[in-house]
Amino acid sequence: LANRLVRQADLLVVEGTAGPGIPNHFAVAVNDGDLDPSI
């Protein structure tokens, strides 16, 4: 999940006046069956 988020952030890089930037809020929808209830 972390690797996918990093790849998603990498795809969202935008060049601004100060250089490359990304959004800072990520809402991630995941199938509830993919989330272990012990975590």
PDB file of all heavy atoms in Angstrom:
ATOM      1  N   LEU A   1       0.832  -1.205   0.000  1.00  0.00           N
ATOM      2  CA  LEU A   1       0.000   0.000   0.000  1.00  0.00           C
ATOM      3  C   LEU A   1       0.865   1.254   0.000  1.00  0.00           C
ATOM      4  O   LEU A   1       0.599   2.211  -0.738  1.00  0.00           O
ATOM      5  CB  LEU A   1      -0.923  -0.022   1.214  1.00  0.00           C
ATOM      6  CG  LEU A   1      -1.894   1.153   1.375  1.00  0.00           C
ATOM      7  CD1 LEU A   1      -2.748   1.333   0.130  1.00  0.00           C
ATOM      8  CD2 LEU A   1      -2.771   0.942   2.601  1.00  0.00           C
ATOM      9  N   ALA A   2       1.922   1.248   0.809  1.00  0.00           N
ATOM     10  CA  ALA A   2       2.830   2.393   0.856  1.00  0.00           C
ATOM     11  C   ALA A   2       3.508   2.612  -0.496  1.00  0.00           C
ATOM     12  O   ALA A   2       3.620   3.748  -0.968  1.00  0.00           O
ATOM     13  CB  ALA A   2       3.883   2.188   1.942  1.00  0.00           C
ATOM     14  N   ASN A   3       3.953   1.532  -1.124  1.00  0.00           N
ATOM     15  CA  ASN A   3       4.598   1.657  -2.434  1.00  0.00           C
ATOM     16  C   ASN A   3       3.644   2.230  -3.469  1.00  0.00           C
ATOM     17  O   ASN A   3       4.035   3.044  -4.315  1.00  0.00           O
ATOM     18  CB  ASN A   3       5.115   0.293  -2.887  1.00  0.00           C
ATOM     19  CG  ASN A   3       6.354  -0.148  -2.136  1.00  0.00           C
ATOM     20  OD1 ASN A   3       7.094   0.677  -1.621  1.00  0.00           O
ATOM     21  ND2 ASN A   3       6.575  -1.454  -2.061  1.00  0.00           N
ATOM     22  N   ARG A   4       2.386   1.808  -3.411  1.00  0.00           N
ATOM     23  CA  ARG A   4       1.398   2.329  -4.364  1.00  0.00           C
ATOM     24  C   ARG A   4       1.148   3.817  -4.129  1.00  0.00           C
ATOM     25  O   ARG A   4       0.993   4.587  -5.084  1.00  0.00           O
ATOM     26  CB  ARG A   4       0.089   1.555  -4.248  1.00  0.00           C
ATOM     27  CG  ARG A   4       0.209   0.105  -4.689  1.00  0.00           C
ATOM     28  CD  ARG A   4      -1.142  -0.555  -4.733  1.00  0.00           C
ATOM     29  NE  ARG A   4      -1.022  -1.998  -4.926  1.00  0.00           N
ATOM     30  CZ  ARG A   4      -2.011  -2.752  -5.367  1.00  0.00           C
ATOM     31  NH1 ARG A   4      -3.170  -2.216  -5.678  1.00  0.00           N
ATOM     32  NH2 ARG A   4      -1.846  -4.057  -5.512  1.00  0.00           N
ATOM     33  N   LEU A   5       1.114   4.216  -2.868  1.00  0.00           N
ATOM     34  CA  LEU A   5       0.916   5.635  -2.571  1.00  0.00           C
ATOM     35  C   LEU A   5       2.092   6.473  -3.067  1.00  0.00           C
ATOM     36  O   LEU A   5       1.899   7.567  -3.600  1.00  0.00           O
ATOM     37  CB  LEU A   5       0.736   5.825  -1.069  1.00  0.00           C
ATOM     38  CG  LEU A   5      -0.687   5.743  -0.530  1.00  0.00           C
ATOM     39  CD1 LEU A   5      -0.687   5.889   0.986  1.00  0.00           C
ATOM     40  CD2 LEU A   5      -1.570   6.797  -1.159  1.00  0.00           C
ATOM     41  N   VAL A   6       3.302   5.968  -2.876  1.00  0.00           N
ATOM     42  CA  VAL A   6       4.481   6.690  -3.351  1.00  0.00           C
ATOM     43  C   VAL A   6       4.446   6.805  -4.876  1.00  0.00           C
ATOM     44  O   VAL A   6       4.744   7.871  -5.434  1.00  0.00           O
ATOM     45  CB  VAL A   6       5.775   6.002  -2.881  1.00  0.00           C
ATOM     46  CG1 VAL A   6       6.995   6.593  -3.598  1.00  0.00           C
ATOM     47  CG2 VAL A   6       5.941   6.150  -1.372  1.00  0.00           C
ATOM     48  N   ARG A   7       4.066   5.730  -5.558  1.00  0.00           N
ATOM     49  CA  ARG A   7       3.958   5.790  -7.027  1.00  0.00           C
ATOM     50  C   ARG A   7       2.887   6.787  -7.447  1.00  0.00           C
ATOM     51  O   ARG A   7       3.057   7.533  -8.420  1.00  0.00           O
ATOM     52  CB  ARG A   7       3.644   4.401  -7.591  1.00  0.00           C
ATOM     53  CG  ARG A   7       4.818   3.425  -7.523  1.00  0.00           C
ATOM     54  CD  ARG A   7       4.629   2.255  -8.469  1.00  0.00           C
ATOM     55  NE  ARG A   7       3.452   1.476  -8.162  1.00  0.00           N
ATOM     56  CZ  ARG A   7       3.432   0.435  -7.324  1.00  0.00           C
ATOM     57  NH1 ARG A   7       4.551   0.070  -6.702  1.00  0.00           N
ATOM     58  NH2 ARG A   7       2.322  -0.242  -7.106  1.00  0.00           N
ATOM     59  N   GLN A   8       1.762   6.802  -6.712  1.00  0.00           N
ATOM     60  CA  GLN A   8       0.702   7.759  -7.011  1.00  0.00           C
ATOM     61  C   GLN A   8       1.205   9.192  -6.838  1.00  0.00           C
ATOM     62  O   GLN A   8       0.956  10.057  -7.683  1.00  0.00           O
ATOM     63  CB  GLN A   8      -0.497   7.511  -6.085  1.00  0.00           C
ATOM     64  CG  GLN A   8      -1.690   8.420  -6.312  1.00  0.00           C
ATOM     65  CD  GLN A   8      -2.434   8.106  -7.591  1.00  0.00           C
ATOM     66  OE1 GLN A   8      -2.341   6.998  -8.119  1.00  0.00           O
ATOM     67  NE2 GLN A   8      -3.169   9.075  -8.113  1.00  0.00           N
ATOM     68  N   ALA A   9       1.922   9.441  -5.753  1.00  0.00           N
ATOM     69  CA  ALA A   9       2.484  10.775  -5.520  1.00  0.00           C
ATOM     70  C   ALA A   9       3.443  11.166  -6.632  1.00  0.00           C
ATOM     71  O   ALA A   9       3.439  12.314  -7.110  1.00  0.00           O
ATOM     72  CB  ALA A   9       3.189  10.822  -4.166  1.00  0.00           C
ATOM     73  N   ASP A  10       4.254  10.222  -7.074  1.00  0.00           N
ATOM     74  CA  ASP A  10       5.220  10.478  -8.136  1.00  0.00           C
ATOM     75  C   ASP A  10       4.521  10.904  -9.428  1.00  0.00           C
ATOM     76  O   ASP A  10       5.009  11.770 -10.160  1.00  0.00           O
ATOM     77  CB  ASP A  10       6.067   9.230  -8.363  1.00  0.00           C
ATOM     78  CG  ASP A  10       7.303   9.507  -9.201  1.00  0.00           C
ATOM     79  OD1 ASP A  10       7.894  10.588  -9.055  1.00  0.00           O
ATOM     80  OD2 ASP A  10       7.667   8.648 -10.018  1.00  0.00           O
ATOM     81  N   LEU A  11       3.368  10.303  -9.698  1.00  0.00           N
ATOM     82  CA  LEU A  11       2.606  10.645 -10.900  1.00  0.00           C
ATOM     83  C   LEU A  11       1.975  12.030 -10.792  1.00  0.00           C
ATOM     84  O   LEU A  11       1.616  12.625 -11.812  1.00  0.00           O
ATOM     85  CB  LEU A  11       1.510   9.606 -11.144  1.00  0.00           C
ATOM     86  CG  LEU A  11       1.981   8.208 -11.559  1.00  0.00           C
ATOM     87  CD1 LEU A  11       0.804   7.240 -11.561  1.00  0.00           C
ATOM     88  CD2 LEU A  11       2.636   8.245 -12.928  1.00  0.00           C
ATOM     89  N   LEU A  12       1.817  12.531  -9.571  1.00  0.00           N
ATOM     90  CA  LEU A  12       1.132  13.803  -9.345  1.00  0.00           C
ATOM     91  C   LEU A  12       2.091  14.977  -9.196  1.00  0.00           C
ATOM     92  O   LEU A  12       1.649  16.097  -8.923  1.00  0.00           O
ATOM     93  CB  LEU A  12       0.256  13.698  -8.089  1.00  0.00           C
ATOM     94  CG  LEU A  12      -0.919  12.727  -8.183  1.00  0.00           C
ATOM     95  CD1 LEU A  12      -1.538  12.512  -6.808  1.00  0.00           C
ATOM     96  CD2 LEU A  12      -1.968  13.238  -9.160  1.00  0.00           C
ATOM     97  N   VAL A  13       3.385  14.743  -9.363  1.00  0.00           N
ATOM     98  CA  VAL A  13       4.362  15.831  -9.223  1.00  0.00           C
ATOM     99  C   VAL A  13       4.101  16.913 -10.276  1.00  0.00           C
ATOM    100  O   VAL A  13       3.939  16.624 -11.463  1.00  0.00           O
ATOM    101  CB  VAL A  13       5.803  15.294  -9.368  1.00  0.00           C
ATOM    102  CG1 VAL A  13       6.794  16.450  -9.446  1.00  0.00           C
ATOM    103  CG2 VAL A  13       6.149  14.390  -8.191  1.00  0.00           C
ATOM    104  N   VAL A  14       4.030  18.144  -9.809  1.00  0.00           N
ATOM    105  CA  VAL A  14       3.816  19.293 -10.694  1.00  0.00           C
ATOM    106  C   VAL A  14       4.937  20.302 -10.439  1.00  0.00           C
ATOM    107  O   VAL A  14       5.299  20.568  -9.285  1.00  0.00           O
ATOM    108  CB  VAL A  14       2.446  19.954 -10.424  1.00  0.00           C
ATOM    109  CG1 VAL A  14       2.304  21.245 -11.219  1.00  0.00           C
ATOM    110  CG2 VAL A  14       1.314  18.993 -10.764  1.00  0.00           C
ATOM    111  N   GLU A  15       5.479  20.855 -11.507  1.00  0.00           N
ATOM    112  CA  GLU A  15       6.527  21.863 -11.374  1.00  0.00           C
ATOM    113  C   GLU A  15       5.908  23.225 -11.070  1.00  0.00           C
ATOM    114  O   GLU A  15       5.037  23.701 -11.788  1.00  0.00           O
ATOM    115  CB  GLU A  15       7.349  21.950 -12.658  1.00  0.00           C
ATOM    116  CG  GLU A  15       8.323  20.802 -12.852  1.00  0.00           C
ATOM    117  CD  GLU A  15       9.487  20.857 -11.871  1.00  0.00           C
ATOM    118  OE1 GLU A  15       9.833  21.967 -11.428  1.00  0.00           O
ATOM    119  OE2 GLU A  15      10.045  19.786 -11.566  1.00  0.00           O
ATOM    120  N   GLY A  16       6.356  23.844  -9.982  1.00  0.00           N
ATOM    121  CA  GLY A  16       5.926  25.181  -9.629  1.00  0.00           C
ATOM    122  C   GLY A  16       7.104  26.133  -9.612  1.00  0.00           C
ATOM    123  O   GLY A  16       8.226  25.764  -9.991  1.00  0.00           O
ATOM    124  N   THR A  17       6.873  27.341  -9.159  1.00  0.00           N
ATOM    125  CA  THR A  17       7.943  28.336  -9.111  1.00  0.00           C
ATOM    126  C   THR A  17       9.126  27.858  -8.274  1.00  0.00           C
ATOM    127  O   THR A  17      10.286  28.064  -8.630  1.00  0.00           O
ATOM    128  CB  THR A  17       7.415  29.656  -8.526  1.00  0.00           C
ATOM    129  OG1 THR A  17       6.306  30.108  -9.316  1.00  0.00           O
ATOM    130  CG2 THR A  17       8.493  30.726  -8.525  1.00  0.00           C
ATOM    131  N   ALA A  18       8.815  27.181  -7.161  1.00  0.00           N
ATOM    132  CA  ALA A  18       9.876  26.711  -6.259  1.00  0.00           C
ATOM    133  C   ALA A  18      10.392  25.333  -6.623  1.00  0.00           C
ATOM    134  O   ALA A  18      11.292  24.812  -5.957  1.00  0.00           O
ATOM    135  CB  ALA A  18       9.369  26.707  -4.819  1.00  0.00           C
ATOM    136  N   GLY A  19       9.828  24.704  -7.669  1.00  0.00           N
ATOM    137  CA  GLY A  19      10.263  23.372  -8.071  1.00  0.00           C
ATOM    138  C   GLY A  19       9.145  22.364  -7.949  1.00  0.00           C
ATOM    139  O   GLY A  19       7.970  22.723  -7.822  1.00  0.00           O
ATOM    140  N   PRO A  20       9.462  21.058  -7.975  1.00  0.00           N
ATOM    141  CA  PRO A  20       8.436  20.019  -7.981  1.00  0.00           C
ATOM    142  C   PRO A  20       7.668  19.952  -6.667  1.00  0.00           C
ATOM    143  O   PRO A  20       8.236  20.088  -5.581  1.00  0.00           O
ATOM    144  CB  PRO A  20       9.233  18.724  -8.211  1.00  0.00           C
ATOM    145  CG  PRO A  20      10.606  19.037  -7.723  1.00  0.00           C
ATOM    146  CD  PRO A  20      10.821  20.485  -8.029  1.00  0.00           C
ATOM    147  N   GLY A  21       6.356  19.733  -6.780  1.00  0.00           N
ATOM    148  CA  GLY A  21       5.519  19.631  -5.591  1.00  0.00           C
ATOM    149  C   GLY A  21       4.432  18.596  -5.775  1.00  0.00           C
ATOM    150  O   GLY A  21       4.108  18.199  -6.901  1.00  0.00           O
ATOM    151  N   ILE A  22       3.877  18.137  -4.651  1.00  0.00           N
ATOM    152  CA  ILE A  22       2.798  17.148  -4.678  1.00  0.00           C
ATOM    153  C   ILE A  22       1.675  17.612  -3.759  1.00  0.00           C
ATOM    154  O   ILE A  22       1.875  18.474  -2.900  1.00  0.00           O
ATOM    155  CB  ILE A  22       3.276  15.748  -4.230  1.00  0.00           C
ATOM    156  CG1 ILE A  22       3.794  15.795  -2.777  1.00  0.00           C
ATOM    157  CG2 ILE A  22       4.314  15.189  -5.183  1.00  0.00           C
ATOM    158  CD1 ILE A  22       4.017  14.426  -2.154  1.00  0.00           C
ATOM    159  N   PRO A  23       0.455  17.023  -3.901  1.00  0.00           N
ATOM    160  CA  PRO A  23      -0.604  17.283  -2.925  1.00  0.00           C
ATOM    161  C   PRO A  23      -0.190  16.736  -1.551  1.00  0.00           C
ATOM    162  O   PRO A  23       0.723  15.904  -1.460  1.00  0.00           O
ATOM    163  CB  PRO A  23      -1.815  16.512  -3.485  1.00  0.00           C
ATOM    164  CG  PRO A  23      -1.457  16.176  -4.894  1.00  0.00           C
ATOM    165  CD  PRO A  23       0.023  16.103  -4.963  1.00  0.00           C
ATOM    166  N   ASN A  24      -0.880  17.164  -0.502  1.00  0.00           N
ATOM    167  CA  ASN A  24      -0.522  16.655   0.819  1.00  0.00           C
ATOM    168  C   ASN A  24      -1.647  15.880   1.504  1.00  0.00           C
ATOM    169  O   ASN A  24      -1.450  15.353   2.592  1.00  0.00           O
ATOM    170  CB  ASN A  24      -0.012  17.780   1.740  1.00  0.00           C
ATOM    171  CG  ASN A  24      -0.979  18.943   1.844  1.00  0.00           C
ATOM    172  OD1 ASN A  24      -2.184  18.789   1.708  1.00  0.00           O
ATOM    173  ND2 ASN A  24      -0.438  20.134   2.076  1.00  0.00           N
ATOM    174  N   HIS A  25      -2.816  15.797   0.890  1.00  0.00           N
ATOM    175  CA  HIS A  25      -3.906  14.997   1.444  1.00  0.00           C
ATOM    176  C   HIS A  25      -4.267  13.885   0.458  1.00  0.00           C
ATOM    177  O   HIS A  25      -4.515  14.148  -0.726  1.00  0.00           O
ATOM    178  CB  HIS A  25      -5.132  15.866   1.727  1.00  0.00           C
ATOM    179  CG  HIS A  25      -4.998  16.693   2.965  1.00  0.00           C
ATOM    180  ND1 HIS A  25      -6.070  17.083   3.733  1.00  0.00           N
ATOM    181  CD2 HIS A  25      -3.904  17.197   3.597  1.00  0.00           C
ATOM    182  CE1 HIS A  25      -5.656  17.785   4.766  1.00  0.00           C
ATOM    183  NE2 HIS A  25      -4.333  17.888   4.693  1.00  0.00           N
ATOM    184  N   PHE A  26      -4.297  12.657   0.961  1.00  0.00           N
ATOM    185  CA  PHE A  26      -4.572  11.479   0.137  1.00  0.00           C
ATOM    186  C   PHE A  26      -5.715  10.685   0.758  1.00  0.00           C
ATOM    187  O   PHE A  26      -5.586  10.204   1.889  1.00  0.00           O
ATOM    188  CB  PHE A  26      -3.330  10.577   0.038  1.00  0.00           C
ATOM    189  CG  PHE A  26      -2.175  11.200  -0.685  1.00  0.00           C
ATOM    190  CD1 PHE A  26      -1.384  12.169  -0.072  1.00  0.00           C
ATOM    191  CD2 PHE A  26      -1.868  10.821  -1.981  1.00  0.00           C
ATOM    192  CE1 PHE A  26      -0.313  12.747  -0.734  1.00  0.00           C
ATOM    193  CE2 PHE A  26      -0.798  11.391  -2.654  1.00  0.00           C
ATOM    194  CZ  PHE A  26      -0.026  12.356  -2.037  1.00  0.00           C
ATOM    195  N   ALA A  27      -6.829  10.581   0.050  1.00  0.00           N
ATOM    196  CA  ALA A  27      -7.941   9.735   0.486  1.00  0.00           C
ATOM    197  C   ALA A  27      -7.873   8.450  -0.337  1.00  0.00           C
ATOM    198  O   ALA A  27      -8.031   8.474  -1.553  1.00  0.00           O
ATOM    199  CB  ALA A  27      -9.272  10.445   0.275  1.00  0.00           C
ATOM    200  N   VAL A  28      -7.610   7.334   0.342  1.00  0.00           N
ATOM    201  CA  VAL A  28      -7.341   6.070  -0.335  1.00  0.00           C
ATOM    202  C   VAL A  28      -8.470   5.077  -0.054  1.00  0.00           C
ATOM    203  O   VAL A  28      -8.683   4.680   1.102  1.00  0.00           O
ATOM    204  CB  VAL A  28      -5.991   5.475   0.132  1.00  0.00           C
ATOM    205  CG1 VAL A  28      -5.673   4.213  -0.659  1.00  0.00           C
ATOM    206  CG2 VAL A  28      -4.878   6.504  -0.023  1.00  0.00           C
ATOM    207  N   ALA A  29      -9.198   4.714  -1.097  1.00  0.00           N
ATOM    208  CA  ALA A  29     -10.259   3.720  -0.969  1.00  0.00           C
ATOM    209  C   ALA A  29      -9.676   2.338  -1.247  1.00  0.00           C
ATOM    210  O   ALA A  29      -8.992   2.136  -2.250  1.00  0.00           O
ATOM    211  CB  ALA A  29     -11.395   4.024  -1.938  1.00  0.00           C
ATOM    212  N   VAL A  30      -9.933   1.400  -0.343  1.00  0.00           N
ATOM    213  CA  VAL A  30      -9.419   0.033  -0.425  1.00  0.00           C
ATOM    214  C   VAL A  30     -10.573  -0.930  -0.158  1.00  0.00           C
ATOM    215  O   VAL A  30     -11.432  -0.651   0.691  1.00  0.00           O
ATOM    216  CB  VAL A  30      -8.300  -0.205   0.619  1.00  0.00           C
ATOM    217  CG1 VAL A  30      -7.729  -1.609   0.509  1.00  0.00           C
ATOM    218  CG2 VAL A  30      -7.185   0.825   0.463  1.00  0.00           C
ATOM    219  N   ASN A  31     -10.609  -2.037  -0.879  1.00  0.00           N
ATOM    220  CA  ASN A  31     -11.611  -3.062  -0.592  1.00  0.00           C
ATOM    221  C   ASN A  31     -11.471  -3.507   0.860  1.00  0.00           C
ATOM    222  O   ASN A  31     -10.365  -3.810   1.318  1.00  0.00           O
ATOM    223  CB  ASN A  31     -11.434  -4.250  -1.533  1.00  0.00           C
ATOM    224  CG  ASN A  31     -12.549  -5.261  -1.391  1.00  0.00           C
ATOM    225  OD1 ASN A  31     -12.639  -5.965  -0.396  1.00  0.00           O
ATOM    226  ND2 ASN A  31     -13.401  -5.324  -2.397  1.00  0.00           N
ATOM    227  N   ASP A  32     -12.592  -3.542   1.589  1.00  0.00           N
ATOM    228  CA  ASP A  32     -12.483  -3.866   3.009  1.00  0.00           C
ATOM    229  C   ASP A  32     -11.957  -5.275   3.253  1.00  0.00           C
ATOM    230  O   ASP A  32     -11.402  -5.573   4.318  1.00  0.00           O
ATOM    231  CB  ASP A  32     -13.819  -3.666   3.735  1.00  0.00           C
ATOM    232  CG  ASP A  32     -14.980  -4.369   3.077  1.00  0.00           C
ATOM    233  OD1 ASP A  32     -14.760  -5.138   2.109  1.00  0.00           O
ATOM    234  OD2 ASP A  32     -16.123  -4.166   3.529  1.00  0.00           O
ATOM    235  N   GLY A  33     -12.066  -6.149   2.254  1.00  0.00           N
ATOM    236  CA  GLY A  33     -11.504  -7.482   2.393  1.00  0.00           C
ATOM    237  C   GLY A  33      -9.994  -7.515   2.294  1.00  0.00           C
ATOM    238  O   GLY A  33      -9.361  -8.510   2.661  1.00  0.00           O
ATOM    239  N   ASP A  34      -9.392  -6.413   1.796  1.00  0.00           N
ATOM    240  CA  ASP A  34      -7.936  -6.330   1.683  1.00  0.00           C
ATOM    241  C   ASP A  34      -7.282  -5.796   2.953  1.00  0.00           C
ATOM    242  O   ASP A  34      -6.054  -5.757   3.049  1.00  0.00           O
ATOM    243  CB  ASP A  34      -7.545  -5.424   0.517  1.00  0.00           C
ATOM    244  CG  ASP A  34      -7.693  -6.116  -0.834  1.00  0.00           C
ATOM    245  OD1 ASP A  34      -7.686  -7.354  -0.849  1.00  0.00           O
ATOM    246  OD2 ASP A  34      -7.817  -5.410  -1.842  1.00  0.00           O
ATOM    247  N   LEU A  35      -8.093  -5.348   3.916  1.00  0.00           N
ATOM    248  CA  LEU A  35      -7.551  -4.793   5.150  1.00  0.00           C
ATOM    249  C   LEU A  35      -7.653  -5.824   6.262  1.00  0.00           C
ATOM    250  O   LEU A  35      -8.747  -6.263   6.624  1.00  0.00           O
ATOM    251  CB  LEU A  35      -8.328  -3.533   5.545  1.00  0.00           C
ATOM    252  CG  LEU A  35      -8.184  -2.335   4.605  1.00  0.00           C
ATOM    253  CD1 LEU A  35      -9.146  -1.229   5.003  1.00  0.00           C
ATOM    254  CD2 LEU A  35      -6.748  -1.819   4.621  1.00  0.00           C
ATOM    255  N   ASP A  36      -6.519  -6.208   6.802  1.00  0.00           N
ATOM    256  CA  ASP A  36      -6.532  -7.175   7.888  1.00  0.00           C
ATOM    257  C   ASP A  36      -7.118  -6.527   9.145  1.00  0.00           C
ATOM    258  O   ASP A  36      -6.678  -5.453   9.546  1.00  0.00           O
ATOM    259  CB  ASP A  36      -5.112  -7.661   8.172  1.00  0.00           C
ATOM    260  CG  ASP A  36      -5.110  -8.877   9.076  1.00  0.00           C
ATOM    261  OD1 ASP A  36      -5.400  -8.696  10.268  1.00  0.00           O
ATOM    262  OD2 ASP A  36      -4.821  -9.981   8.588  1.00  0.00           O
ATOM    263  N   PRO A  37      -8.138  -7.135   9.748  1.00  0.00           N
ATOM    264  CA  PRO A  37      -8.795  -6.523  10.904  1.00  0.00           C
ATOM    265  C   PRO A  37      -7.885  -6.383  12.129  1.00  0.00           C
ATOM    266  O   PRO A  37      -8.200  -5.634  13.042  1.00  0.00           O
ATOM    267  CB  PRO A  37      -9.968  -7.466  11.194  1.00  0.00           C
ATOM    268  CG  PRO A  37      -9.584  -8.767  10.559  1.00  0.00           C
ATOM    269  CD  PRO A  37      -8.780  -8.410   9.353  1.00  0.00           C
ATOM    270  N   SER A  38      -6.751  -7.082  12.133  1.00  0.00           N
ATOM    271  CA  SER A  38      -5.855  -6.992  13.288  1.00  0.00           C
ATOM    272  C   SER A  38      -4.997  -5.738  13.264  1.00  0.00           C
ATOM    273  O   SER A  38      -4.347  -5.400  14.255  1.00  0.00           O
ATOM    274  CB  SER A  38      -4.947  -8.231  13.350  1.00  0.00           C
ATOM    275  OG  SER A  38      -4.054  -8.245  12.246  1.00  0.00           O
ATOM    276  N   ILE A  39      -4.974  -5.037  12.135  1.00  0.00           N
ATOM    277  CA  ILE A  39      -4.150  -3.837  12.017  1.00  0.00           C
ATOM    278  C   ILE A  39      -4.927  -2.620  12.497  1.00  0.00           C
ATOM    279  O   ILE A  39      -6.087  -2.433  12.139  1.00  0.00           O
ATOM    280  CB  ILE A  39      -3.693  -3.626  10.564  1.00  0.00           C
ATOM    281  CG1 ILE A  39      -2.733  -4.725  10.148  1.00  0.00           C
ATOM    282  CG2 ILE A  39      -3.009  -2.275  10.393  1.00  0.00           C
ATOM    283  CD1 ILE A  39      -2.237  -4.585   8.745  1.00  0.00           C
TER     284      ILE A  39
END
